N, C-alpha and C. Protein backbone atom coordinates (compact mmCIF):
# COMPACT_ATOMS: atom_id res chain seq x y z
N MET A 1 8.22 -17.83 6.93
CA MET A 1 9.42 -16.58 7.52
C MET A 1 10.44 -17.03 7.28
N ARG A 2 10.88 -18.43 8.23
CA ARG A 2 12.04 -19.32 7.95
C ARG A 2 12.74 -19.61 6.39
N HIS A 3 11.36 -19.43 5.44
CA HIS A 3 12.04 -20.40 4.49
C HIS A 3 12.55 -18.97 3.85
N SER A 4 11.91 -17.77 3.97
CA SER A 4 12.09 -16.54 2.99
C SER A 4 13.37 -16.23 3.38
N LEU A 5 13.87 -16.48 4.41
CA LEU A 5 15.09 -15.98 5.11
C LEU A 5 16.32 -17.02 4.68
N LEU A 6 15.82 -18.31 4.60
CA LEU A 6 16.97 -19.11 3.70
C LEU A 6 17.26 -18.49 2.45
N ILE A 7 15.92 -18.69 1.58
CA ILE A 7 16.22 -18.05 0.14
C ILE A 7 17.13 -16.67 0.18
N LEU A 8 16.68 -15.43 1.54
CA LEU A 8 17.61 -14.53 1.10
C LEU A 8 19.01 -14.54 1.58
N LEU A 9 19.28 -15.53 2.25
CA LEU A 9 20.65 -15.61 2.84
C LEU A 9 21.33 -16.23 1.79
N ALA A 10 20.67 -17.32 0.81
CA ALA A 10 21.12 -18.14 -0.16
C ALA A 10 21.71 -16.85 -1.49
N ALA A 11 20.54 -16.29 -1.44
CA ALA A 11 20.52 -14.97 -2.78
C ALA A 11 22.20 -14.18 -2.20
N GLY A 12 21.96 -13.90 -0.92
CA GLY A 12 22.88 -12.71 -0.46
C GLY A 12 24.20 -13.58 -0.71
N VAL A 13 24.56 -14.64 -0.39
CA VAL A 13 25.75 -15.68 -0.08
C VAL A 13 26.31 -15.46 -1.63
N GLY A 14 25.23 -16.06 -2.41
CA GLY A 14 25.40 -16.49 -3.97
C GLY A 14 25.77 -15.11 -4.51
N ALA A 15 25.19 -13.85 -4.49
CA ALA A 15 25.55 -12.84 -4.75
C ALA A 15 27.22 -12.58 -4.70
N TRP A 16 27.44 -12.66 -3.41
CA TRP A 16 28.65 -12.20 -2.94
C TRP A 16 29.73 -13.00 -3.51
N LEU A 17 29.31 -14.53 -3.73
CA LEU A 17 30.53 -15.44 -4.51
C LEU A 17 30.45 -15.02 -6.07
N GLY A 18 29.27 -14.96 -6.49
CA GLY A 18 29.34 -14.56 -7.99
C GLY A 18 30.37 -13.03 -8.03
N ALA A 19 30.09 -12.10 -7.15
CA ALA A 19 30.71 -11.05 -7.48
C ALA A 19 32.26 -11.34 -7.45
N MET A 20 32.92 -12.07 -6.51
CA MET A 20 34.11 -12.82 -6.17
C MET A 20 34.49 -13.12 -7.12
N VAL A 21 34.01 -14.19 -7.72
CA VAL A 21 34.40 -15.20 -9.02
C VAL A 21 34.67 -14.35 -10.27
N PHE A 22 33.22 -13.20 -10.38
CA PHE A 22 33.99 -12.18 -11.65
C PHE A 22 34.80 -11.91 -11.53
N LEU A 23 35.24 -10.86 -10.53
CA LEU A 23 36.25 -10.11 -10.27
C LEU A 23 37.52 -10.95 -10.34
N SER A 24 37.56 -12.13 -9.68
CA SER A 24 39.34 -12.84 -9.98
C SER A 24 39.55 -13.31 -10.90
N PHE A 25 38.22 -13.95 -11.64
CA PHE A 25 38.43 -14.82 -12.95
C PHE A 25 37.85 -14.13 -14.43
N VAL A 26 37.55 -13.23 -14.03
CA VAL A 26 37.12 -12.42 -15.45
C VAL A 26 37.75 -10.90 -15.64
N GLU A 27 37.04 -10.14 -14.61
CA GLU A 27 37.68 -9.00 -14.87
C GLU A 27 39.26 -8.72 -14.58
N ALA A 28 39.94 -9.14 -13.21
CA ALA A 28 40.99 -8.90 -13.32
C ALA A 28 42.00 -9.44 -14.73
N PRO A 29 41.91 -11.02 -14.78
CA PRO A 29 42.83 -11.35 -16.12
C PRO A 29 42.09 -10.70 -16.79
N THR A 30 41.11 -9.94 -17.37
CA THR A 30 40.80 -9.33 -18.54
C THR A 30 41.17 -8.08 -18.58
N ALA A 31 41.24 -7.33 -17.47
CA ALA A 31 42.16 -6.12 -17.51
C ALA A 31 43.54 -5.71 -17.81
N PHE A 32 44.17 -7.00 -17.05
CA PHE A 32 45.77 -6.88 -17.21
C PHE A 32 46.05 -7.68 -18.89
N ALA A 33 45.24 -8.12 -19.41
CA ALA A 33 45.28 -8.87 -20.85
C ALA A 33 45.16 -7.34 -21.81
N TYR A 34 44.16 -6.58 -21.67
CA TYR A 34 43.71 -5.89 -22.32
C TYR A 34 43.85 -4.03 -22.34
N LEU A 35 44.39 -3.73 -20.98
CA LEU A 35 44.64 -2.42 -20.96
C LEU A 35 46.22 -2.17 -21.05
N GLU A 36 46.29 -0.77 -21.68
CA GLU A 36 47.68 -0.55 -22.22
C GLU A 36 48.75 -0.87 -21.08
N SER A 37 48.53 -0.64 -19.94
CA SER A 37 49.36 -1.00 -18.53
C SER A 37 49.20 -1.49 -17.62
N ARG A 38 50.02 -2.62 -16.79
CA ARG A 38 49.67 -3.00 -15.56
C ARG A 38 48.85 -1.96 -14.95
N HIS A 39 49.67 -0.69 -14.54
CA HIS A 39 49.05 0.14 -13.78
C HIS A 39 47.95 0.48 -13.80
N GLN A 40 47.15 0.81 -15.06
CA GLN A 40 45.74 0.89 -15.14
C GLN A 40 44.97 -0.25 -14.62
N ALA A 41 45.41 -1.52 -15.27
CA ALA A 41 44.42 -2.74 -14.95
C ALA A 41 44.68 -2.65 -13.25
N GLY A 42 45.72 -2.43 -12.71
CA GLY A 42 45.82 -2.36 -11.13
C GLY A 42 45.07 -1.60 -10.64
N ASP A 43 44.77 -0.40 -11.16
CA ASP A 43 44.13 0.61 -10.65
C ASP A 43 42.27 0.25 -10.62
N LEU A 44 41.95 -0.28 -12.11
CA LEU A 44 40.42 -0.80 -12.48
C LEU A 44 40.15 -1.67 -11.41
N VAL A 45 41.41 -2.96 -11.33
CA VAL A 45 40.65 -3.80 -10.39
C VAL A 45 40.84 -3.26 -8.80
N ALA A 46 41.75 -2.44 -8.44
CA ALA A 46 41.50 -1.96 -6.96
C ALA A 46 40.28 -1.12 -6.94
N ALA A 47 39.91 -0.44 -7.82
CA ALA A 47 38.46 0.27 -7.51
C ALA A 47 37.45 -0.90 -7.45
N THR A 48 37.45 -1.95 -8.38
CA THR A 48 36.09 -2.72 -8.31
C THR A 48 36.56 -3.49 -6.90
N LEU A 49 37.30 -3.65 -6.62
CA LEU A 49 37.85 -4.29 -5.06
C LEU A 49 36.97 -3.40 -3.95
N ASN A 50 37.24 -2.19 -4.09
CA ASN A 50 37.25 -1.52 -3.43
C ASN A 50 35.43 -1.17 -3.00
N VAL A 51 34.76 -0.99 -3.92
CA VAL A 51 33.46 -1.47 -4.35
C VAL A 51 32.72 -2.78 -3.89
N LEU A 52 33.39 -3.90 -3.84
CA LEU A 52 33.36 -4.88 -3.75
C LEU A 52 33.05 -5.09 -1.68
N TYR A 53 34.35 -4.55 -1.68
CA TYR A 53 34.60 -4.62 0.09
C TYR A 53 33.39 -3.62 0.51
N LEU A 54 32.93 -2.61 -0.10
CA LEU A 54 31.93 -1.57 1.01
C LEU A 54 30.52 -2.28 0.64
N ALA A 55 30.60 -3.20 -0.10
CA ALA A 55 29.20 -3.71 -0.33
C ALA A 55 29.37 -4.96 0.77
N ALA A 56 30.66 -5.62 0.60
CA ALA A 56 30.56 -6.69 1.93
C ALA A 56 30.04 -6.03 3.12
N TYR A 57 30.89 -5.01 3.58
CA TYR A 57 30.59 -4.38 5.05
C TYR A 57 29.24 -4.29 5.13
N LEU A 58 28.39 -4.01 4.20
CA LEU A 58 27.00 -4.02 4.59
C LEU A 58 26.45 -5.29 4.56
N ILE A 59 26.57 -6.29 3.67
CA ILE A 59 25.85 -7.44 3.27
C ILE A 59 26.54 -8.82 4.46
N GLY A 60 27.89 -8.64 4.69
CA GLY A 60 28.53 -9.79 5.75
C GLY A 60 27.52 -9.64 7.13
N PRO A 61 27.55 -8.66 7.91
CA PRO A 61 26.80 -8.34 9.15
C PRO A 61 25.16 -8.96 8.90
N LEU A 62 24.68 -8.31 7.87
CA LEU A 62 23.18 -8.87 7.13
C LEU A 62 23.14 -10.37 7.19
N LEU A 63 24.19 -10.93 6.61
CA LEU A 63 24.02 -12.25 6.39
C LEU A 63 24.26 -13.07 7.72
N VAL A 64 25.10 -12.60 8.34
CA VAL A 64 25.33 -13.30 9.67
C VAL A 64 24.18 -13.15 10.62
N LEU A 65 23.55 -11.91 10.78
CA LEU A 65 22.40 -11.86 11.27
C LEU A 65 21.35 -12.97 10.62
N ALA A 66 21.27 -12.72 9.66
CA ALA A 66 20.34 -13.61 8.90
C ALA A 66 20.24 -15.30 9.53
N SER A 67 21.56 -15.22 9.43
CA SER A 67 21.60 -16.95 9.83
C SER A 67 21.59 -17.47 11.17
N ILE A 68 22.05 -16.04 11.80
CA ILE A 68 21.68 -16.40 13.23
C ILE A 68 20.15 -16.69 13.59
N ALA A 69 19.46 -15.97 12.71
CA ALA A 69 17.82 -15.40 13.06
C ALA A 69 17.31 -17.06 12.64
N ILE A 70 17.71 -17.70 11.75
CA ILE A 70 17.13 -18.95 10.76
C ILE A 70 18.02 -20.32 11.76
N ARG A 71 18.42 -19.92 13.09
CA ARG A 71 18.85 -21.33 13.71
C ARG A 71 17.97 -22.43 13.89
N PRO A 72 18.35 -23.61 13.02
CA PRO A 72 17.54 -24.55 12.68
C PRO A 72 17.62 -25.34 14.66
N LEU A 73 16.40 -25.88 14.87
CA LEU A 73 16.09 -26.88 15.81
C LEU A 73 16.86 -27.77 16.05
N GLY A 74 17.41 -28.72 14.70
CA GLY A 74 18.47 -29.78 14.57
C GLY A 74 19.76 -29.18 13.67
N ARG A 75 20.10 -30.12 13.15
CA ARG A 75 21.49 -29.71 12.59
C ARG A 75 22.02 -28.30 12.98
N ARG A 76 22.41 -28.60 14.40
CA ARG A 76 22.94 -27.32 15.05
C ARG A 76 24.50 -26.89 14.66
N LEU A 77 24.94 -28.15 14.07
CA LEU A 77 26.54 -28.23 13.84
C LEU A 77 26.22 -27.52 12.37
N LEU A 78 25.51 -27.54 11.29
CA LEU A 78 25.48 -27.00 10.36
C LEU A 78 25.30 -25.45 10.20
N TRP A 79 24.23 -25.10 11.39
CA TRP A 79 24.19 -23.88 11.40
C TRP A 79 25.55 -23.18 11.78
N GLY A 80 25.96 -23.70 13.06
CA GLY A 80 27.20 -23.12 13.84
C GLY A 80 28.61 -23.11 12.60
N VAL A 81 28.58 -23.94 11.84
CA VAL A 81 29.57 -23.68 10.83
C VAL A 81 29.36 -22.80 9.84
N ARG A 82 28.00 -22.66 9.20
CA ARG A 82 27.77 -21.47 8.19
C ARG A 82 27.81 -20.39 8.91
N THR A 83 27.03 -20.09 10.45
CA THR A 83 27.12 -18.61 10.93
C THR A 83 28.82 -18.44 10.85
N ILE A 84 29.36 -19.36 11.30
CA ILE A 84 31.10 -18.97 11.71
C ILE A 84 31.89 -18.58 10.50
N LEU A 85 31.48 -19.37 9.08
CA LEU A 85 31.83 -19.29 8.07
C LEU A 85 31.81 -17.47 7.56
N LEU A 86 30.40 -17.19 7.92
CA LEU A 86 29.83 -16.03 7.37
C LEU A 86 30.62 -14.77 8.11
N ILE A 87 30.97 -14.74 9.73
CA ILE A 87 31.73 -14.04 10.42
C ILE A 87 33.31 -14.28 9.90
N LEU A 88 33.83 -14.93 9.57
CA LEU A 88 35.03 -15.00 8.94
C LEU A 88 35.12 -14.60 8.00
N MET A 89 33.97 -14.90 6.82
CA MET A 89 34.26 -14.17 5.72
C MET A 89 34.17 -12.78 5.88
N THR A 90 33.10 -11.80 6.70
CA THR A 90 33.29 -10.74 6.81
C THR A 90 34.38 -10.11 7.54
N ALA A 91 35.02 -10.44 8.43
CA ALA A 91 36.40 -10.04 9.03
C ALA A 91 37.36 -10.51 8.26
N SER A 92 37.48 -11.39 7.21
CA SER A 92 38.68 -11.76 6.01
C SER A 92 38.64 -10.12 5.25
N THR A 93 37.16 -10.15 4.79
CA THR A 93 37.14 -8.74 4.03
C THR A 93 37.26 -7.41 4.56
N LEU A 94 37.39 -7.44 5.96
CA LEU A 94 37.84 -6.30 6.81
C LEU A 94 39.07 -6.07 6.72
N ILE A 95 40.07 -7.33 6.95
CA ILE A 95 41.36 -7.29 7.03
C ILE A 95 41.77 -6.75 5.30
N SER A 96 41.33 -7.52 4.55
CA SER A 96 41.73 -7.40 3.44
C SER A 96 41.68 -5.81 2.75
N ARG A 97 40.62 -5.29 3.10
CA ARG A 97 40.52 -3.69 2.51
C ARG A 97 41.38 -3.03 3.67
N GLU A 98 41.23 -3.06 4.89
CA GLU A 98 41.67 -1.84 5.83
C GLU A 98 43.42 -2.51 6.05
N ILE A 99 43.84 -3.42 6.09
CA ILE A 99 45.03 -3.48 6.05
C ILE A 99 45.78 -4.31 4.97
N VAL A 100 45.49 -5.32 4.32
CA VAL A 100 46.14 -5.35 3.38
C VAL A 100 46.06 -4.45 1.94
N GLY A 101 44.79 -4.01 1.64
CA GLY A 101 44.76 -2.80 0.82
C GLY A 101 45.36 -1.79 0.81
N THR A 102 45.17 -1.40 2.44
CA THR A 102 45.62 -0.08 2.70
C THR A 102 47.39 -0.08 2.41
N LYS A 103 48.07 -1.17 3.06
CA LYS A 103 49.76 -1.67 2.92
C LYS A 103 49.76 -1.85 1.10
N LEU A 104 49.39 -2.71 0.43
CA LEU A 104 49.29 -2.37 -0.75
C LEU A 104 49.18 -0.78 -1.63
N PHE A 105 48.25 0.17 -1.27
CA PHE A 105 48.39 1.21 -1.66
C PHE A 105 49.63 2.17 -1.47
N THR A 106 49.86 2.10 0.16
CA THR A 106 51.08 2.26 0.41
C THR A 106 52.17 2.42 -0.25
N LEU A 107 52.56 1.11 -0.61
CA LEU A 107 53.50 0.40 -1.24
C LEU A 107 53.57 0.82 -2.78
N ARG A 108 52.42 1.36 -3.54
CA ARG A 108 52.24 1.48 -5.04
C ARG A 108 52.62 2.90 -4.98
N ARG A 109 52.23 3.47 -3.99
CA ARG A 109 52.48 5.11 -3.91
C ARG A 109 54.06 5.64 -3.81
N ALA A 110 54.80 4.49 -2.68
CA ALA A 110 55.99 5.01 -2.47
C ALA A 110 57.12 4.37 -3.79
N MET A 111 56.18 3.47 -4.43
CA MET A 111 57.01 3.03 -5.69
C MET A 111 57.20 4.12 -6.95
N GLY A 112 56.25 4.93 -6.81
CA GLY A 112 56.21 6.16 -7.86
C GLY A 112 55.63 5.49 -8.95
N ALA A 113 56.49 4.82 -9.61
CA ALA A 113 56.43 4.76 -10.92
C ALA A 113 55.83 3.48 -11.51
N ALA A 114 55.11 3.10 -12.34
CA ALA A 114 54.60 1.69 -12.77
C ALA A 114 55.25 0.50 -11.93
N ILE A 115 54.28 -0.55 -11.56
CA ILE A 115 55.01 -1.51 -11.11
C ILE A 115 56.23 -2.21 -12.34
N GLU A 116 55.83 -2.21 -13.14
CA GLU A 116 56.43 -3.12 -14.17
C GLU A 116 57.71 -2.50 -14.34
N SER A 117 57.87 -1.17 -14.09
CA SER A 117 59.19 -0.76 -14.52
C SER A 117 60.11 -0.58 -13.12
N ILE A 118 59.80 -1.14 -12.09
CA ILE A 118 60.32 -1.45 -10.84
C ILE A 118 61.37 -2.71 -10.89
N PRO A 119 62.52 -2.68 -10.62
CA PRO A 119 63.26 -3.98 -10.97
C PRO A 119 62.89 -4.75 -10.04
N PRO A 120 62.87 -6.15 -10.54
CA PRO A 120 62.32 -7.41 -9.95
C PRO A 120 63.00 -7.87 -8.38
N GLY A 121 64.06 -7.15 -8.09
CA GLY A 121 64.41 -7.45 -6.75
C GLY A 121 64.41 -6.50 -5.97
N ASP A 122 64.03 -5.67 -6.68
CA ASP A 122 63.47 -4.15 -5.69
C ASP A 122 62.77 -4.60 -4.19
N PRO A 123 63.22 -4.18 -3.00
CA PRO A 123 62.55 -4.53 -1.94
C PRO A 123 61.27 -3.95 -1.48
N LEU A 124 60.83 -3.05 -2.16
CA LEU A 124 59.23 -2.06 -2.22
C LEU A 124 58.31 -3.39 -3.36
N ARG A 125 59.07 -3.86 -4.44
CA ARG A 125 58.35 -4.68 -5.17
C ARG A 125 58.02 -5.79 -4.72
N LEU A 126 59.02 -6.43 -4.06
CA LEU A 126 58.86 -8.11 -3.36
C LEU A 126 58.04 -7.59 -2.10
N GLN A 127 57.96 -6.56 -1.31
CA GLN A 127 57.03 -6.30 -0.65
C GLN A 127 55.60 -6.21 -1.08
N PHE A 128 55.31 -5.53 -1.95
CA PHE A 128 54.15 -5.73 -2.90
C PHE A 128 53.62 -7.06 -3.39
N GLN A 129 54.48 -8.13 -3.74
CA GLN A 129 54.27 -9.00 -4.44
C GLN A 129 53.78 -10.04 -2.99
N GLN A 130 54.17 -9.75 -2.08
CA GLN A 130 54.07 -10.73 -0.48
C GLN A 130 52.75 -10.49 -0.13
N TRP A 131 52.28 -9.01 -0.32
CA TRP A 131 51.00 -8.64 0.04
C TRP A 131 49.98 -8.79 -0.48
N HIS A 132 50.16 -8.74 -2.12
CA HIS A 132 49.30 -9.12 -3.41
C HIS A 132 49.22 -10.55 -3.06
N GLN A 133 50.09 -11.47 -2.66
CA GLN A 133 49.87 -12.99 -2.45
C GLN A 133 48.75 -13.22 -1.40
N PHE A 134 48.86 -12.38 -0.21
CA PHE A 134 48.19 -12.55 0.78
C PHE A 134 46.74 -12.08 0.74
N SER A 135 46.41 -11.11 -0.11
CA SER A 135 45.51 -10.43 -0.76
C SER A 135 44.71 -11.80 -1.61
N VAL A 136 45.29 -12.36 -2.32
CA VAL A 136 44.98 -13.31 -3.46
C VAL A 136 44.30 -14.62 -2.38
N LEU A 137 45.08 -14.80 -1.25
CA LEU A 137 44.72 -15.76 -0.44
C LEU A 137 43.31 -15.57 0.07
N LEU A 138 43.28 -14.41 0.48
CA LEU A 138 42.26 -14.31 1.39
C LEU A 138 40.99 -14.00 0.57
N MET A 139 40.83 -13.50 -0.71
CA MET A 139 39.78 -13.51 -1.40
C MET A 139 39.41 -15.20 -1.90
N LEU A 140 40.66 -16.14 -1.84
CA LEU A 140 40.84 -17.73 -2.16
C LEU A 140 39.64 -18.16 -1.14
N PHE A 141 39.80 -17.70 0.09
CA PHE A 141 39.40 -18.15 0.88
C PHE A 141 37.40 -17.89 0.94
N ASN A 142 37.38 -16.46 0.69
CA ASN A 142 36.07 -16.21 1.33
C ASN A 142 35.32 -16.81 -0.04
N ILE A 143 36.03 -17.34 -1.02
CA ILE A 143 35.19 -17.73 -2.40
C ILE A 143 35.01 -19.01 -1.97
N ALA A 144 35.97 -19.95 -1.31
CA ALA A 144 35.70 -21.22 -0.65
C ALA A 144 34.83 -21.35 0.67
N ALA A 145 34.56 -20.47 1.14
CA ALA A 145 33.79 -20.16 2.35
C ALA A 145 32.35 -19.95 1.83
N ALA A 146 32.12 -19.19 0.72
CA ALA A 146 30.64 -18.77 0.43
C ALA A 146 30.39 -20.00 -0.10
N ALA A 147 31.17 -20.94 -1.12
CA ALA A 147 30.68 -21.98 -1.51
C ALA A 147 30.13 -22.97 -0.49
N ALA A 148 31.03 -23.01 0.57
CA ALA A 148 30.94 -24.01 1.47
C ALA A 148 29.45 -23.40 2.09
N VAL A 149 29.14 -22.54 2.28
CA VAL A 149 27.76 -21.98 3.08
C VAL A 149 26.66 -22.13 1.99
N LEU A 150 26.67 -22.22 0.82
CA LEU A 150 25.77 -22.23 -0.21
C LEU A 150 25.74 -23.83 -0.07
N ILE A 151 26.75 -24.85 0.15
CA ILE A 151 26.55 -26.19 0.30
C ILE A 151 25.77 -26.56 1.73
N LEU A 152 25.97 -25.81 2.64
CA LEU A 152 25.54 -25.98 3.93
C LEU A 152 23.96 -25.81 3.69
N LEU A 153 24.07 -24.68 3.52
CA LEU A 153 22.58 -24.20 3.16
C LEU A 153 21.49 -25.38 2.34
N SER A 154 22.24 -25.88 1.32
CA SER A 154 21.56 -26.87 0.77
C SER A 154 21.22 -28.04 1.13
N VAL A 155 22.09 -28.59 1.90
CA VAL A 155 21.81 -29.65 2.76
C VAL A 155 20.98 -29.51 3.71
N GLU A 156 20.88 -28.19 4.22
CA GLU A 156 19.98 -27.78 5.32
C GLU A 156 18.39 -28.23 4.99
N THR A 157 18.37 -27.01 3.62
CA THR A 157 17.08 -26.98 3.10
C THR A 157 16.63 -28.21 2.55
N PHE A 158 17.42 -28.95 1.82
CA PHE A 158 16.63 -30.30 1.12
C PHE A 158 17.12 -31.43 1.93
N GLY A 159 17.41 -31.26 3.13
CA GLY A 159 17.28 -32.55 4.02
C GLY A 159 18.27 -33.63 3.50
N GLU A 160 19.45 -33.67 3.09
CA GLU A 160 20.18 -34.57 2.13
C GLU A 160 21.08 -35.34 3.66
N GLY A 161 20.84 -34.56 4.71
CA GLY A 161 21.69 -35.49 5.56
C GLY A 161 21.52 -34.86 6.91
N ARG A 162 22.34 -35.34 8.09
CA ARG A 162 21.58 -35.00 9.21
C ARG A 162 22.96 -34.75 10.06
N VAL A 163 23.24 -33.64 10.34
CA VAL A 163 24.31 -33.47 11.35
C VAL A 163 24.21 -32.77 12.32
């Protein structure tokens, strides 16, 4: 049972990591390179992000519960770090969608026109860029945290160290 839960945990984190990496490094750059306008590309990436966030709302708590359920007798530090990282990933996803995403949507709506037609020094555009940078940082945190969780799982599973 424990081995099966470890595999499910690794698969869930791996799928989440894969989706984030694909969105960040494949879909978003491709959309901005090939679609007719940055506005369309932004809409596509925002819609995909929304699906990713909603999936994370389901998978995040399940992964946390799975991590808690397979608490090891030894290596408690690895277990604790792994579980805390999963909690932080879930929380940052909530922040990213509910706070940052909502703010970005509101700013895009307030600007009315396509972002590229707004003057670079416009206060709304500057706010949008700041919130977008925060969104990117949250995504990069989640990518790094997911990679760390997979490393911790491999150390625990294959016994390459005792912590």
